[in-house]
């Protein structure tokens, strides 16, 4: 893998389905590149474990992407924490 260059330094990213698979890999890469990442997933245990592993640059929120109310809660959380 190439050297990191901070391509997303200072950016905020939402990674849905971020607890496993491609979402997990994306969250890791975004944090490594300097982003603040909100990981969302229905798998609370795996999502929180990943956020804990990634440290201060990552947070987890439980999120059922099929629920409109859950989307509003996620967006409210993003605004609350990142403006």
PDB file of N, CA and C in Angstrom:
ATOM      1  N   UNK A   1       0.847  -1.168   0.000  1.00  0.00           N
ATOM      2  CA  UNK A   1       0.000   0.000   0.000  1.00  0.00           C
ATOM      3  C   UNK A   1       0.895   1.234   0.000  1.00  0.00           C
ATOM      4  N   UNK A   2       0.469   2.277  -0.673  1.00  0.00           N
ATOM      5  CA  UNK A   2       1.277   3.477  -0.798  1.00  0.00           C
ATOM      6  C   UNK A   2       1.263   4.297   0.489  1.00  0.00           C
ATOM      7  N   UNK A   3       2.225   5.199   0.596  1.00  0.00           N
ATOM      8  CA  UNK A   3       2.324   6.084   1.737  1.00  0.00           C
ATOM      9  C   UNK A   3       1.105   6.995   1.812  1.00  0.00           C
ATOM     10  N   UNK A   4       0.587   7.238   3.006  1.00  0.00           N
ATOM     11  CA  UNK A   4      -0.580   8.101   3.192  1.00  0.00           C
ATOM     12  C   UNK A   4      -0.191   9.554   2.968  1.00  0.00           C
ATOM     13  N   UNK A   5      -1.103  10.327   2.378  1.00  0.00           N
ATOM     14  CA  UNK A   5      -0.792  11.731   2.153  1.00  0.00           C
ATOM     15  C   UNK A   5      -1.859  12.686   2.670  1.00  0.00           C
ATOM     16  N   UNK A   6      -2.801  12.198   3.469  1.00  0.00           N
ATOM     17  CA  UNK A   6      -3.786  13.094   4.068  1.00  0.00           C
ATOM     18  C   UNK A   6      -4.777  13.676   3.085  1.00  0.00           C
ATOM     19  N   UNK A   7      -5.155  12.905   2.092  1.00  0.00           N
ATOM     20  CA  UNK A   7      -6.062  13.393   1.046  1.00  0.00           C
ATOM     21  C   UNK A   7      -7.388  13.912   1.570  1.00  0.00           C
ATOM     22  N   UNK A   8      -7.818  13.421   2.703  1.00  0.00           N
ATOM     23  CA  UNK A   8      -9.109  13.869   3.247  1.00  0.00           C
ATOM     24  C   UNK A   8      -8.938  14.528   4.617  1.00  0.00           C
ATOM     25  N   UNK A   9      -7.750  15.047   4.871  1.00  0.00           N
ATOM     26  CA  UNK A   9      -7.469  15.740   6.126  1.00  0.00           C
ATOM     27  C   UNK A   9      -8.502  16.837   6.349  1.00  0.00           C
ATOM     28  N   UNK A  10      -9.107  16.851   7.541  1.00  0.00           N
ATOM     29  CA  UNK A  10     -10.079  17.875   7.878  1.00  0.00           C
ATOM     30  C   UNK A  10     -11.481  17.627   7.355  1.00  0.00           C
ATOM     31  N   UNK A  11     -11.704  16.553   6.648  1.00  0.00           N
ATOM     32  CA  UNK A  11     -13.034  16.219   6.125  1.00  0.00           C
ATOM     33  C   UNK A  11     -13.759  15.318   7.109  1.00  0.00           C
ATOM     34  N   UNK A  12     -15.074  15.237   6.951  1.00  0.00           N
ATOM     35  CA  UNK A  12     -15.913  14.353   7.751  1.00  0.00           C
ATOM     36  C   UNK A  12     -16.566  13.364   6.800  1.00  0.00           C
ATOM     37  N   UNK A  13     -16.523  12.081   7.159  1.00  0.00           N
ATOM     38  CA  UNK A  13     -17.104  11.041   6.313  1.00  0.00           C
ATOM     39  C   UNK A  13     -18.094  10.204   7.114  1.00  0.00           C
ATOM     40  N   UNK A  14     -19.181   9.839   6.467  1.00  0.00           N
ATOM     41  CA  UNK A  14     -20.142   8.892   7.010  1.00  0.00           C
ATOM     42  C   UNK A  14     -19.967   7.600   6.229  1.00  0.00           C
ATOM     43  N   UNK A  15     -19.704   6.513   6.947  1.00  0.00           N
ATOM     44  CA  UNK A  15     -19.560   5.208   6.301  1.00  0.00           C
ATOM     45  C   UNK A  15     -20.693   4.322   6.789  1.00  0.00           C
ATOM     46  N   UNK A  16     -21.707   4.138   5.941  1.00  0.00           N
ATOM     47  CA  UNK A  16     -22.810   3.248   6.286  1.00  0.00           C
ATOM     48  C   UNK A  16     -22.370   1.815   6.042  1.00  0.00           C
ATOM     49  N   UNK A  17     -22.871   0.903   6.852  1.00  0.00           N
ATOM     50  CA  UNK A  17     -22.424  -0.479   6.739  1.00  0.00           C
ATOM     51  C   UNK A  17     -20.948  -0.588   7.078  1.00  0.00           C
ATOM     52  N   UNK A  18     -20.490   0.273   7.998  1.00  0.00           N
ATOM     53  CA  UNK A  18     -19.069   0.388   8.277  1.00  0.00           C
ATOM     54  C   UNK A  18     -18.494  -0.625   9.243  1.00  0.00           C
ATOM     55  N   UNK A  19     -19.303  -1.509   9.800  1.00  0.00           N
ATOM     56  CA  UNK A  19     -18.800  -2.442  10.803  1.00  0.00           C
ATOM     57  C   UNK A  19     -18.019  -3.605  10.211  1.00  0.00           C
ATOM     58  N   UNK A  20     -18.267  -3.918   8.960  1.00  0.00           N
ATOM     59  CA  UNK A  20     -17.652  -5.112   8.359  1.00  0.00           C
ATOM     60  C   UNK A  20     -17.331  -4.870   6.887  1.00  0.00           C
ATOM     61  N   UNK A  21     -16.537  -5.762   6.333  1.00  0.00           N
ATOM     62  CA  UNK A  21     -16.297  -5.805   4.897  1.00  0.00           C
ATOM     63  C   UNK A  21     -15.734  -4.528   4.304  1.00  0.00           C
ATOM     64  N   UNK A  22     -16.296  -4.119   3.162  1.00  0.00           N
ATOM     65  CA  UNK A  22     -15.827  -2.932   2.442  1.00  0.00           C
ATOM     66  C   UNK A  22     -15.999  -1.676   3.291  1.00  0.00           C
ATOM     67  N   UNK A  23     -17.096  -1.584   4.027  1.00  0.00           N
ATOM     68  CA  UNK A  23     -17.310  -0.420   4.885  1.00  0.00           C
ATOM     69  C   UNK A  23     -16.234  -0.294   5.946  1.00  0.00           C
ATOM     70  N   UNK A  24     -15.868  -1.402   6.545  1.00  0.00           N
ATOM     71  CA  UNK A  24     -14.810  -1.425   7.566  1.00  0.00           C
ATOM     72  C   UNK A  24     -13.483  -0.975   6.967  1.00  0.00           C
ATOM     73  N   UNK A  25     -13.162  -1.511   5.811  1.00  0.00           N
ATOM     74  CA  UNK A  25     -11.916  -1.136   5.133  1.00  0.00           C
ATOM     75  C   UNK A  25     -11.936   0.347   4.752  1.00  0.00           C
ATOM     76  N   UNK A  26     -13.082   0.830   4.310  1.00  0.00           N
ATOM     77  CA  UNK A  26     -13.208   2.245   3.936  1.00  0.00           C
ATOM     78  C   UNK A  26     -13.007   3.147   5.152  1.00  0.00           C
ATOM     79  N   UNK A  27     -13.625   2.788   6.268  1.00  0.00           N
ATOM     80  CA  UNK A  27     -13.475   3.584   7.488  1.00  0.00           C
ATOM     81  C   UNK A  27     -12.016   3.641   7.914  1.00  0.00           C
ATOM     82  N   UNK A  28     -11.341   2.520   7.872  1.00  0.00           N
ATOM     83  CA  UNK A  28      -9.921   2.485   8.246  1.00  0.00           C
ATOM     84  C   UNK A  28      -9.092   3.386   7.336  1.00  0.00           C
ATOM     85  N   UNK A  29      -9.313   3.304   6.046  1.00  0.00           N
ATOM     86  CA  UNK A  29      -8.563   4.104   5.090  1.00  0.00           C
ATOM     87  C   UNK A  29      -8.854   5.596   5.272  1.00  0.00           C
ATOM     88  N   UNK A  30     -10.114   5.945   5.458  1.00  0.00           N
ATOM     89  CA  UNK A  30     -10.467   7.351   5.650  1.00  0.00           C
ATOM     90  C   UNK A  30      -9.800   7.935   6.891  1.00  0.00           C
ATOM     91  N   UNK A  31      -9.788   7.196   7.987  1.00  0.00           N
ATOM     92  CA  UNK A  31      -9.112   7.660   9.197  1.00  0.00           C
ATOM     93  C   UNK A  31      -7.608   7.782   8.933  1.00  0.00           C
ATOM     94  N   UNK A  32      -7.029   6.801   8.265  1.00  0.00           N
ATOM     95  CA  UNK A  32      -5.595   6.849   7.959  1.00  0.00           C
ATOM     96  C   UNK A  32      -5.241   8.046   7.089  1.00  0.00           C
ATOM     97  N   UNK A  33      -6.185   8.493   6.274  1.00  0.00           N
ATOM     98  CA  UNK A  33      -5.966   9.631   5.382  1.00  0.00           C
ATOM     99  C   UNK A  33      -6.363  10.964   6.018  1.00  0.00           C
ATOM    100  N   UNK A  34      -6.778  10.943   7.290  1.00  0.00           N
ATOM    101  CA  UNK A  34      -6.997  12.178   8.011  1.00  0.00           C
ATOM    102  C   UNK A  34      -8.428  12.604   8.257  1.00  0.00           C
ATOM    103  N   UNK A  35      -9.401  11.820   7.841  1.00  0.00           N
ATOM    104  CA  UNK A  35     -10.804  12.197   8.027  1.00  0.00           C
ATOM    105  C   UNK A  35     -11.293  11.861   9.431  1.00  0.00           C
ATOM    106  N   UNK A  36     -12.326  12.572   9.846  1.00  0.00           N
ATOM    107  CA  UNK A  36     -13.130  12.209  11.004  1.00  0.00           C
ATOM    108  C   UNK A  36     -14.236  11.324  10.443  1.00  0.00           C
ATOM    109  N   UNK A  37     -14.470  10.161  11.025  1.00  0.00           N
ATOM    110  CA  UNK A  37     -15.395   9.189  10.437  1.00  0.00           C
ATOM    111  C   UNK A  37     -16.495   8.817  11.421  1.00  0.00           C
ATOM    112  N   UNK A  38     -17.732   8.886  10.929  1.00  0.00           N
ATOM    113  CA  UNK A  38     -18.876   8.357  11.659  1.00  0.00           C
ATOM    114  C   UNK A  38     -19.226   7.026  11.004  1.00  0.00           C
ATOM    115  N   UNK A  39     -19.066   5.962  11.752  1.00  0.00           N
ATOM    116  CA  UNK A  39     -19.356   4.612  11.281  1.00  0.00           C
ATOM    117  C   UNK A  39     -20.780   4.288  11.685  1.00  0.00           C
ATOM    118  N   UNK A  40     -21.597   3.870  10.720  1.00  0.00           N
ATOM    119  CA  UNK A  40     -22.960   3.470  11.059  1.00  0.00           C
ATOM    120  C   UNK A  40     -23.199   2.045  10.589  1.00  0.00           C
ATOM    121  N   UNK A  41     -23.984   1.321  11.380  1.00  0.00           N
ATOM    122  CA  UNK A  41     -24.268  -0.080  11.050  1.00  0.00           C
ATOM    123  C   UNK A  41     -25.337  -0.582  12.016  1.00  0.00           C
ATOM    124  N   UNK A  42     -25.965  -1.682  11.650  1.00  0.00           N
ATOM    125  CA  UNK A  42     -26.907  -2.322  12.576  1.00  0.00           C
ATOM    126  C   UNK A  42     -26.181  -3.241  13.554  1.00  0.00           C
ATOM    127  N   UNK A  43     -24.938  -3.575  13.264  1.00  0.00           N
ATOM    128  CA  UNK A  43     -24.148  -4.426  14.147  1.00  0.00           C
ATOM    129  C   UNK A  43     -23.405  -3.541  15.149  1.00  0.00           C
ATOM    130  N   UNK A  44     -24.049  -3.284  16.272  1.00  0.00           N
ATOM    131  CA  UNK A  44     -23.502  -2.372  17.267  1.00  0.00           C
ATOM    132  C   UNK A  44     -22.171  -2.852  17.828  1.00  0.00           C
ATOM    133  N   UNK A  45     -22.066  -4.119  18.130  1.00  0.00           N
ATOM    134  CA  UNK A  45     -20.842  -4.642  18.742  1.00  0.00           C
ATOM    135  C   UNK A  45     -19.642  -4.472  17.808  1.00  0.00           C
ATOM    136  N   UNK A  46     -19.777  -4.876  16.554  1.00  0.00           N
ATOM    137  CA  UNK A  46     -18.662  -4.761  15.607  1.00  0.00           C
ATOM    138  C   UNK A  46     -18.357  -3.307  15.278  1.00  0.00           C
ATOM    139  N   UNK A  47     -19.393  -2.498  15.135  1.00  0.00           N
ATOM    140  CA  UNK A  47     -19.193  -1.087  14.813  1.00  0.00           C
ATOM    141  C   UNK A  47     -18.502  -0.337  15.929  1.00  0.00           C
ATOM    142  N   UNK A  48     -18.919  -0.558  17.153  1.00  0.00           N
ATOM    143  CA  UNK A  48     -18.281   0.118  18.290  1.00  0.00           C
ATOM    144  C   UNK A  48     -16.851  -0.359  18.466  1.00  0.00           C
ATOM    145  N   UNK A  49     -16.619  -1.650  18.252  1.00  0.00           N
ATOM    146  CA  UNK A  49     -15.254  -2.182  18.362  1.00  0.00           C
ATOM    147  C   UNK A  49     -14.331  -1.515  17.345  1.00  0.00           C
ATOM    148  N   UNK A  50     -14.820  -1.315  16.131  1.00  0.00           N
ATOM    149  CA  UNK A  50     -14.010  -0.652  15.112  1.00  0.00           C
ATOM    150  C   UNK A  50     -13.738   0.796  15.497  1.00  0.00           C
ATOM    151  N   UNK A  51     -14.757   1.512  15.950  1.00  0.00           N
ATOM    152  CA  UNK A  51     -14.566   2.906  16.365  1.00  0.00           C
ATOM    153  C   UNK A  51     -13.551   2.984  17.503  1.00  0.00           C
ATOM    154  N   UNK A  52     -13.641   2.073  18.455  1.00  0.00           N
ATOM    155  CA  UNK A  52     -12.679   2.049  19.565  1.00  0.00           C
ATOM    156  C   UNK A  52     -11.266   1.800  19.034  1.00  0.00           C
ATOM    157  N   UNK A  53     -11.144   0.890  18.090  1.00  0.00           N
ATOM    158  CA  UNK A  53      -9.842   0.565  17.497  1.00  0.00           C
ATOM    159  C   UNK A  53      -9.246   1.773  16.767  1.00  0.00           C
ATOM    160  N   UNK A  54     -10.090   2.519  16.067  1.00  0.00           N
ATOM    161  CA  UNK A  54      -9.601   3.636  15.258  1.00  0.00           C
ATOM    162  C   UNK A  54      -9.315   4.886  16.079  1.00  0.00           C
ATOM    163  N   UNK A  55      -9.827   4.960  17.291  1.00  0.00           N
ATOM    164  CA  UNK A  55      -9.495   6.060  18.183  1.00  0.00           C
ATOM    165  C   UNK A  55     -10.357   7.294  17.997  1.00  0.00           C
ATOM    166  N   UNK A  56      -9.798   8.433  18.388  1.00  0.00           N
ATOM    167  CA  UNK A  56     -10.549   9.688  18.464  1.00  0.00           C
ATOM    168  C   UNK A  56     -11.103  10.163  17.128  1.00  0.00           C
ATOM    169  N   UNK A  57     -10.562   9.704  16.037  1.00  0.00           N
ATOM    170  CA  UNK A  57     -11.028  10.141  14.714  1.00  0.00           C
ATOM    171  C   UNK A  57     -12.297   9.421  14.269  1.00  0.00           C
ATOM    172  N   UNK A  58     -12.759   8.443  15.047  1.00  0.00           N
ATOM    173  CA  UNK A  58     -13.931   7.665  14.634  1.00  0.00           C
ATOM    174  C   UNK A  58     -14.956   7.587  15.756  1.00  0.00           C
ATOM    175  N   UNK A  59     -16.218   7.583  15.348  1.00  0.00           N
ATOM    176  CA  UNK A  59     -17.332   7.360  16.266  1.00  0.00           C
ATOM    177  C   UNK A  59     -18.263   6.347  15.613  1.00  0.00           C
ATOM    178  N   UNK A  60     -19.057   5.688  16.431  1.00  0.00           N
ATOM    179  CA  UNK A  60     -20.038   4.731  15.924  1.00  0.00           C
ATOM    180  C   UNK A  60     -21.437   5.169  16.321  1.00  0.00           C
ATOM    181  N   UNK A  61     -22.395   4.915  15.416  1.00  0.00           N
ATOM    182  CA  UNK A  61     -23.803   5.116  15.725  1.00  0.00           C
ATOM    183  C   UNK A  61     -24.586   3.937  15.146  1.00  0.00           C
ATOM    184  N   UNK A  62     -25.485   3.384  15.963  1.00  0.00           N
ATOM    185  CA  UNK A  62     -26.357   2.314  15.470  1.00  0.00           C
ATOM    186  C   UNK A  62     -27.284   2.916  14.418  1.00  0.00           C
ATOM    187  N   UNK A  63     -27.428   2.206  13.296  1.00  0.00           N
ATOM    188  CA  UNK A  63     -28.191   2.786  12.181  1.00  0.00           C
ATOM    189  C   UNK A  63     -28.780   1.689  11.305  1.00  0.00           C
ATOM    190  N   UNK A  64     -30.091   1.645  11.274  1.00  0.00           N
ATOM    191  CA  UNK A  64     -30.811   0.789  10.327  1.00  0.00           C
ATOM    192  C   UNK A  64     -31.128   1.662   9.121  1.00  0.00           C
ATOM    193  N   UNK A  65     -30.370   1.495   8.053  1.00  0.00           N
ATOM    194  CA  UNK A  65     -30.480   2.366   6.876  1.00  0.00           C
ATOM    195  C   UNK A  65     -31.840   2.285   6.194  1.00  0.00           C
ATOM    196  N   UNK A  66     -32.668   1.322   6.551  1.00  0.00           N
ATOM    197  CA  UNK A  66     -34.004   1.234   5.958  1.00  0.00           C
ATOM    198  C   UNK A  66     -35.020   2.138   6.669  1.00  0.00           C
ATOM    199  N   UNK A  67     -34.586   2.778   7.754  1.00  0.00           N
ATOM    200  CA  UNK A  67     -35.484   3.608   8.552  1.00  0.00           C
ATOM    201  C   UNK A  67     -35.224   5.094   8.300  1.00  0.00           C
ATOM    202  N   UNK A  68     -36.252   5.802   7.857  1.00  0.00           N
ATOM    203  CA  UNK A  68     -36.123   7.239   7.626  1.00  0.00           C
ATOM    204  C   UNK A  68     -35.796   7.976   8.924  1.00  0.00           C
ATOM    205  N   UNK A  69     -36.424   7.579  10.015  1.00  0.00           N
ATOM    206  CA  UNK A  69     -36.151   8.223  11.306  1.00  0.00           C
ATOM    207  C   UNK A  69     -34.695   8.003  11.728  1.00  0.00           C
ATOM    208  N   UNK A  70     -34.159   6.831  11.438  1.00  0.00           N
ATOM    209  CA  UNK A  70     -32.760   6.553  11.773  1.00  0.00           C
ATOM    210  C   UNK A  70     -31.823   7.441  10.962  1.00  0.00           C
ATOM    211  N   UNK A  71     -32.156   7.696   9.700  1.00  0.00           N
ATOM    212  CA  UNK A  71     -31.345   8.601   8.881  1.00  0.00           C
ATOM    213  C   UNK A  71     -31.319   9.997   9.495  1.00  0.00           C
ATOM    214  N   UNK A  72     -32.461  10.464   9.972  1.00  0.00           N
ATOM    215  CA  UNK A  72     -32.508  11.791  10.584  1.00  0.00           C
ATOM    216  C   UNK A  72     -31.634  11.839  11.823  1.00  0.00           C
ATOM    217  N   UNK A  73     -31.660  10.784  12.617  1.00  0.00           N
ATOM    218  CA  UNK A  73     -30.842  10.720  13.834  1.00  0.00           C
ATOM    219  C   UNK A  73     -29.355  10.740  13.485  1.00  0.00           C
ATOM    220  N   UNK A  74     -28.967  10.022  12.436  1.00  0.00           N
ATOM    221  CA  UNK A  74     -27.565  10.010  12.002  1.00  0.00           C
ATOM    222  C   UNK A  74     -27.137  11.394  11.533  1.00  0.00           C
ATOM    223  N   UNK A  75     -27.975  12.048  10.733  1.00  0.00           N
ATOM    224  CA  UNK A  75     -27.632  13.373  10.228  1.00  0.00           C
ATOM    225  C   UNK A  75     -27.557  14.387  11.372  1.00  0.00           C
ATOM    226  N   UNK A  76     -28.478  14.283  12.329  1.00  0.00           N
ATOM    227  CA  UNK A  76     -28.435  15.156  13.496  1.00  0.00           C
ATOM    228  C   UNK A  76     -27.135  14.956  14.291  1.00  0.00           C
ATOM    229  N   UNK A  77     -26.699  13.706  14.406  1.00  0.00           N
ATOM    230  CA  UNK A  77     -25.463  13.408  15.116  1.00  0.00           C
ATOM    231  C   UNK A  77     -24.253  14.012  14.387  1.00  0.00           C
ATOM    232  N   UNK A  78     -24.253  13.917  13.071  1.00  0.00           N
ATOM    233  CA  UNK A  78     -23.161  14.513  12.293  1.00  0.00           C
ATOM    234  C   UNK A  78     -23.084  16.016  12.517  1.00  0.00           C
ATOM    235  N   UNK A  79     -24.222  16.674  12.435  1.00  0.00           N
ATOM    236  CA  UNK A  79     -24.253  18.132  12.616  1.00  0.00           C
ATOM    237  C   UNK A  79     -23.825  18.494  14.049  1.00  0.00           C
ATOM    238  N   UNK A  80     -24.318  17.744  15.023  1.00  0.00           N
ATOM    239  CA  UNK A  80     -23.989  18.032  16.423  1.00  0.00           C
ATOM    240  C   UNK A  80     -22.493  17.945  16.677  1.00  0.00           C
ATOM    241  N   UNK A  81     -21.852  16.939  16.120  1.00  0.00           N
ATOM    242  CA  UNK A  81     -20.431  16.702  16.400  1.00  0.00           C
ATOM    243  C   UNK A  81     -19.469  17.416  15.444  1.00  0.00           C
ATOM    244  N   UNK A  82     -19.940  17.729  14.242  1.00  0.00           N
ATOM    245  CA  UNK A  82     -19.005  18.260  13.232  1.00  0.00           C
ATOM    246  C   UNK A  82     -19.466  19.549  12.564  1.00  0.00           C
ATOM    247  N   UNK A  83     -20.608  20.075  12.969  1.00  0.00           N
ATOM    248  CA  UNK A  83     -21.086  21.335  12.404  1.00  0.00           C
ATOM    249  C   UNK A  83     -21.691  21.211  11.035  1.00  0.00           C
TER     250      UNK A  83
END
